[in-house]
Amino acid sequence: MERYLKVLQLFWATAIAAELEYRINFVFAAISSLGNLSGSIFGLYLFYRTGYEFEGWSWSEAMTVLGIFTILQGFSATFLVPNLNRIVDHVQQGTLDFVLLKPISSQFWLSTRSVSPWGFPDLVFGNLILAYAGKQLGLGVGNYLASILPLLFGVGILYSLWFMLGAMSIWFVKVYNVTEVLRGLLEAGRFPMVAYPVAHRFFFTFIVPVAFLTTVPAEAFLGKASIPWVLGAAGLAGLLFILSAQLWRFALRFYTSASS
């Protein structure tokens, strides 16, 4: 574990140093994040401006869902996009050979090799939204602590789904469109699940588990999460992580390397 932590430190230090050569990009990333967030808040406002409320969700409570969605969006831009989207490039260019030869887990290398600071604004804005909503609702420190584990489960689910799609590039090199479809589906996490018809709720809970990414952590933050749903998020995160590792090992059996 200590060796992996040292490698991770080297990975991220070099990646951030390389990215900060173009510091103006951070300004543009912050402006872009602020624009996207403004659009999301405006979209939510359109529902509530006439006094309408999602069943059981006030304006401030719905904002917690948007805050958690923004945090996950920042996590994706910081850790997932700069790493997992490159699996396709490694397969296409044959550089996956060099990854497999390294004395370290290839899944760990592919998942953590790079980090992008351009997702930090979303992480900051997401936490600011949660702070705003928490203040409006009179929530305490305990509410923030209660949401940490469900949020980590959501992060694990999101990572596993993304990595499994990346592993599919061993068979289907052009999986960029699939990742875009996944990102499009995850956009549904901007709103509480009760905002959707019953059929859509079923789809976003049991087919594409968007509910476990945003709504369950938000309910934990608000103090109204049920234990079975939190345990379900934990079980799903663990199951998907195991499946992602097993799928990667299975996919590597079909990888013939650049020289064969």
Protein backbone atom coordinates (compact mmCIF):
# COMPACT_ATOMS: atom_id res chain seq x y z
CA MET A 1 0.00 0.00 0.00
CA GLU A 2 2.83 2.39 0.85
CA ARG A 3 4.41 1.78 -2.55
CA TYR A 4 1.14 2.53 -4.32
CA LEU A 5 0.70 5.76 -2.35
CA LYS A 6 4.19 6.91 -3.34
CA VAL A 7 3.47 6.10 -6.98
CA LEU A 8 0.17 7.99 -6.76
CA GLN A 9 1.96 11.01 -5.33
CA LEU A 10 4.44 10.99 -8.22
CA PHE A 11 1.65 10.54 -10.78
CA TRP A 12 -0.38 13.48 -9.55
CA ALA A 13 2.57 15.78 -8.91
CA THR A 14 3.83 15.40 -12.48
CA ALA A 15 0.34 15.61 -13.97
CA ILE A 16 -0.56 18.84 -12.14
CA ALA A 17 2.83 20.37 -12.98
CA ALA A 18 2.23 19.62 -16.66
CA GLU A 19 -1.32 20.98 -16.62
CA LEU A 20 -0.33 24.20 -14.82
CA GLU A 21 1.90 25.17 -17.72
CA TYR A 22 -1.33 26.52 -19.22
CA ARG A 23 -2.79 28.30 -16.19
CA ILE A 24 -5.20 30.40 -18.18
CA ASN A 25 -7.08 27.17 -18.88
CA PHE A 26 -8.10 27.11 -15.22
CA VAL A 27 -9.86 30.46 -15.65
CA PHE A 28 -11.75 29.19 -18.68
CA ALA A 29 -12.63 25.97 -16.83
CA ALA A 30 -14.01 27.97 -13.90
CA ILE A 31 -16.07 30.17 -16.25
CA SER A 32 -17.37 27.11 -18.08
CA SER A 33 -18.29 25.39 -14.79
CA LEU A 34 -20.04 28.53 -13.57
CA GLY A 35 -21.99 28.75 -16.82
CA ASN A 36 -23.08 25.10 -16.62
CA LEU A 37 -24.06 25.51 -12.99
CA SER A 38 -26.06 28.65 -13.74
CA GLY A 39 -27.94 26.74 -16.44
CA SER A 40 -28.68 23.89 -14.01
CA ILE A 41 -29.94 26.27 -11.32
CA PHE A 42 -32.10 28.09 -13.87
CA GLY A 43 -33.54 24.78 -15.06
CA LEU A 44 -34.44 23.88 -11.47
CA TYR A 45 -35.84 27.36 -10.90
CA LEU A 46 -38.25 26.90 -13.83
CA PHE A 47 -39.96 24.12 -11.86
CA TYR A 48 -40.19 26.03 -8.58
CA ARG A 49 -40.93 29.57 -9.77
CA THR A 50 -44.71 29.01 -9.82
CA GLY A 51 -44.83 27.35 -6.39
CA TYR A 52 -44.60 23.82 -7.77
CA GLU A 53 -42.47 21.36 -5.76
CA PHE A 54 -41.17 17.89 -6.47
CA GLU A 55 -43.01 15.56 -4.10
CA GLY A 56 -41.28 15.79 -0.73
CA TRP A 57 -38.52 18.10 -1.99
CA SER A 58 -38.46 21.82 -1.28
CA TRP A 59 -36.28 24.22 -3.28
CA SER A 60 -33.37 23.99 -0.82
CA GLU A 61 -33.65 20.20 -0.63
CA ALA A 62 -33.60 19.89 -4.42
CA MET A 63 -30.50 22.10 -4.42
CA THR A 64 -28.67 19.47 -2.37
CA VAL A 65 -29.17 16.98 -5.22
CA LEU A 66 -27.75 19.51 -7.67
CA GLY A 67 -24.81 20.15 -5.32
CA ILE A 68 -23.93 16.46 -5.14
CA PHE A 69 -24.36 16.12 -8.90
CA THR A 70 -21.91 19.01 -9.38
CA ILE A 71 -19.39 17.38 -7.03
CA LEU A 72 -19.59 14.12 -9.00
CA GLN A 73 -19.22 16.07 -12.22
CA GLY A 74 -16.06 17.66 -10.82
CA PHE A 75 -14.79 14.25 -9.75
CA SER A 76 -15.33 12.92 -13.26
CA ALA A 77 -13.52 15.85 -14.88
CA THR A 78 -10.63 15.63 -12.40
CA PHE A 79 -10.01 11.90 -12.18
CA LEU A 80 -12.06 9.88 -14.69
CA VAL A 81 -11.92 11.78 -17.97
CA PRO A 82 -8.12 12.32 -18.03
CA ASN A 83 -7.51 8.64 -17.28
CA LEU A 84 -10.23 6.28 -18.41
CA ASN A 85 -10.92 7.98 -21.74
CA ARG A 86 -7.29 7.29 -22.65
CA ILE A 87 -7.71 3.53 -22.41
CA VAL A 88 -9.01 3.64 -25.96
CA ASP A 89 -5.87 5.49 -27.09
CA HIS A 90 -3.63 2.95 -25.37
CA VAL A 91 -5.39 0.10 -27.16
CA GLN A 92 -5.33 1.86 -30.54
CA GLN A 93 -1.69 2.93 -30.35
CA GLY A 94 -0.35 -0.22 -28.73
CA THR A 95 0.98 1.67 -25.69
CA LEU A 96 -1.09 -0.61 -23.44
CA ASP A 97 1.81 -3.07 -23.87
CA PHE A 98 4.05 -0.80 -21.78
CA VAL A 99 1.39 -0.46 -19.08
CA LEU A 100 1.00 -4.23 -18.76
CA LEU A 101 4.77 -4.66 -18.41
CA LYS A 102 4.99 -2.37 -15.40
CA PRO A 103 5.32 -3.99 -11.93
CA ILE A 104 2.04 -2.47 -10.79
CA SER A 105 -1.65 -3.18 -11.24
CA SER A 106 -2.63 -2.12 -14.75
CA GLN A 107 -6.09 -1.09 -13.53
CA PHE A 108 -4.52 1.14 -10.88
CA TRP A 109 -2.13 2.67 -13.44
CA LEU A 110 -4.87 3.34 -15.99
CA SER A 111 -7.22 4.76 -13.35
CA THR A 112 -4.82 7.10 -11.55
CA ARG A 113 -1.99 8.00 -13.95
CA SER A 114 -3.24 11.53 -14.52
CA VAL A 115 -5.27 14.18 -12.75
CA SER A 116 -6.76 17.36 -14.16
CA PRO A 117 -7.18 20.50 -12.02
CA TRP A 118 -9.81 21.77 -14.45
CA GLY A 119 -12.47 19.82 -12.55
CA PHE A 120 -11.69 21.59 -9.26
CA PRO A 121 -14.17 24.46 -9.87
CA ASP A 122 -17.06 21.99 -10.00
CA LEU A 123 -15.87 20.41 -6.76
CA VAL A 124 -15.79 23.84 -5.11
CA PHE A 125 -19.13 24.98 -6.55
CA GLY A 126 -20.80 21.73 -5.53
CA ASN A 127 -19.67 22.13 -1.93
CA LEU A 128 -20.79 25.76 -1.93
CA ILE A 129 -24.27 24.70 -3.04
CA LEU A 130 -24.42 22.13 -0.24
CA ALA A 131 -23.30 24.79 2.25
CA TYR A 132 -25.98 27.17 0.97
CA ALA A 133 -28.72 24.52 1.11
CA GLY A 134 -27.57 23.35 4.54
CA LYS A 135 -27.73 26.89 5.89
CA GLN A 136 -31.21 27.44 4.43
CA LEU A 137 -32.43 24.19 6.01
CA GLY A 138 -30.64 24.71 9.32
CA LEU A 139 -28.58 21.54 9.03
CA GLY A 140 -25.58 20.83 11.21
CA VAL A 141 -22.18 19.19 10.88
CA GLY A 142 -23.73 15.78 11.47
CA ASN A 143 -25.70 16.07 8.25
CA TYR A 144 -22.54 16.71 6.25
CA LEU A 145 -20.80 13.77 7.89
CA ALA A 146 -23.79 11.50 7.24
CA SER A 147 -23.56 12.18 3.51
CA ILE A 148 -19.87 11.30 3.16
CA LEU A 149 -20.24 7.51 2.96
CA PRO A 150 -23.18 7.51 0.51
CA LEU A 151 -21.30 10.03 -1.62
CA LEU A 152 -18.21 7.80 -1.62
CA PHE A 153 -20.41 4.88 -2.66
CA GLY A 154 -21.68 7.04 -5.54
CA VAL A 155 -18.10 7.83 -6.54
CA GLY A 156 -17.30 4.11 -6.54
CA ILE A 157 -20.33 3.30 -8.69
CA LEU A 158 -19.48 6.05 -11.16
CA TYR A 159 -15.85 4.94 -11.42
CA SER A 160 -16.76 1.28 -11.94
CA LEU A 161 -19.27 2.05 -14.68
CA TRP A 162 -16.75 4.24 -16.47
CA PHE A 163 -13.92 1.71 -16.16
CA MET A 164 -16.07 -1.14 -17.46
CA LEU A 165 -16.85 0.93 -20.54
CA GLY A 166 -13.13 1.60 -20.93
CA ALA A 167 -12.42 -2.15 -20.70
CA MET A 168 -14.85 -2.72 -23.57
CA SER A 169 -12.38 -0.95 -25.85
CA ILE A 170 -10.41 -4.22 -26.02
CA TRP A 171 -13.23 -5.52 -28.24
CA PHE A 172 -14.79 -2.30 -29.50
CA VAL A 173 -12.11 0.31 -30.01
CA LYS A 174 -14.52 3.15 -30.71
CA VAL A 175 -16.35 3.44 -27.37
CA TYR A 176 -16.27 7.23 -27.15
CA ASN A 177 -19.93 7.40 -28.19
CA VAL A 178 -20.86 4.95 -25.44
CA THR A 179 -19.20 7.09 -22.76
CA GLU A 180 -21.07 10.12 -24.08
CA VAL A 181 -24.33 8.17 -23.81
CA LEU A 182 -23.46 7.31 -20.20
CA ARG A 183 -22.69 10.95 -19.43
CA GLY A 184 -25.99 11.94 -20.99
CA LEU A 185 -27.90 9.46 -18.85
CA LEU A 186 -26.12 10.64 -15.72
CA GLU A 187 -27.44 14.15 -16.41
CA ALA A 188 -30.72 12.86 -14.96
CA GLY A 189 -29.00 13.04 -11.56
CA ARG A 190 -29.42 16.81 -11.50
CA PHE A 191 -32.93 16.34 -10.10
CA PRO A 192 -34.44 14.12 -7.39
CA MET A 193 -35.77 10.83 -8.70
CA VAL A 194 -39.33 11.81 -7.81
CA ALA A 195 -39.14 14.36 -10.64
CA TYR A 196 -39.48 11.51 -13.14
CA PRO A 197 -42.35 9.14 -14.01
CA VAL A 198 -42.38 5.73 -12.33
CA ALA A 199 -40.94 3.92 -15.35
CA HIS A 200 -38.04 6.36 -15.52
CA ARG A 201 -37.41 6.02 -11.79
CA PHE A 202 -37.13 2.26 -12.22
CA PHE A 203 -34.69 2.71 -15.11
CA PHE A 204 -32.54 5.25 -13.25
CA THR A 205 -32.46 3.09 -10.14
CA PHE A 206 -32.06 -0.50 -11.31
CA ILE A 207 -30.73 -0.23 -14.89
CA VAL A 208 -28.52 2.87 -14.80
CA PRO A 209 -28.12 3.51 -11.04
CA VAL A 210 -28.34 7.31 -11.15
CA ALA A 211 -30.44 7.36 -7.96
CA PHE A 212 -27.51 5.93 -5.97
CA LEU A 213 -25.21 8.65 -7.30
CA THR A 214 -27.12 11.75 -6.24
CA THR A 215 -30.54 11.18 -4.64
CA VAL A 216 -29.42 8.69 -1.97
CA PRO A 217 -26.46 10.87 -0.80
CA ALA A 218 -28.78 13.90 -0.81
CA GLU A 219 -31.31 12.06 1.34
CA ALA A 220 -28.52 11.12 3.74
CA PHE A 221 -27.45 14.77 3.85
CA LEU A 222 -31.03 15.79 4.67
CA GLY A 223 -31.35 13.10 7.32
CA LYS A 224 -34.13 11.18 5.61
CA ALA A 225 -32.23 8.35 3.94
CA SER A 226 -33.42 4.82 4.70
CA ILE A 227 -30.84 2.28 5.83
CA PRO A 228 -31.75 -0.27 3.11
CA TRP A 229 -31.04 2.27 0.36
CA VAL A 230 -27.68 3.22 1.86
CA LEU A 231 -26.76 -0.44 2.27
CA GLY A 232 -27.92 -1.02 -1.29
CA ALA A 233 -25.58 1.74 -2.48
CA ALA A 234 -22.70 0.14 -0.55
CA GLY A 235 -23.43 -3.30 -1.97
CA LEU A 236 -23.78 -1.97 -5.50
CA ALA A 237 -20.52 -0.03 -5.26
CA GLY A 238 -18.66 -3.12 -4.04
CA LEU A 239 -20.26 -5.40 -6.63
CA LEU A 240 -19.55 -3.08 -9.55
CA PHE A 241 -15.95 -2.58 -8.46
CA ILE A 242 -15.40 -6.34 -8.35
CA LEU A 243 -17.10 -6.71 -11.73
CA SER A 244 -14.91 -3.98 -13.22
CA ALA A 245 -11.76 -5.76 -12.05
CA GLN A 246 -12.99 -9.13 -13.30
CA LEU A 247 -14.06 -7.67 -16.66
CA TRP A 248 -10.64 -6.06 -17.11
CA ARG A 249 -8.85 -9.35 -16.43
CA PHE A 250 -11.19 -11.14 -18.81
CA ALA A 251 -10.74 -8.48 -21.51
CA LEU A 252 -6.96 -8.76 -21.32
CA ARG A 253 -7.22 -12.36 -22.48
CA PHE A 254 -8.33 -10.99 -25.84
CA TYR A 255 -5.66 -8.28 -26.05
CA THR A 256 -3.08 -9.38 -28.60
CA SER A 257 -0.61 -6.48 -28.10
CA ALA A 258 0.81 -4.19 -30.76
CA SER A 259 3.49 -6.63 -31.92
CA SER A 260 1.28 -9.67 -32.54
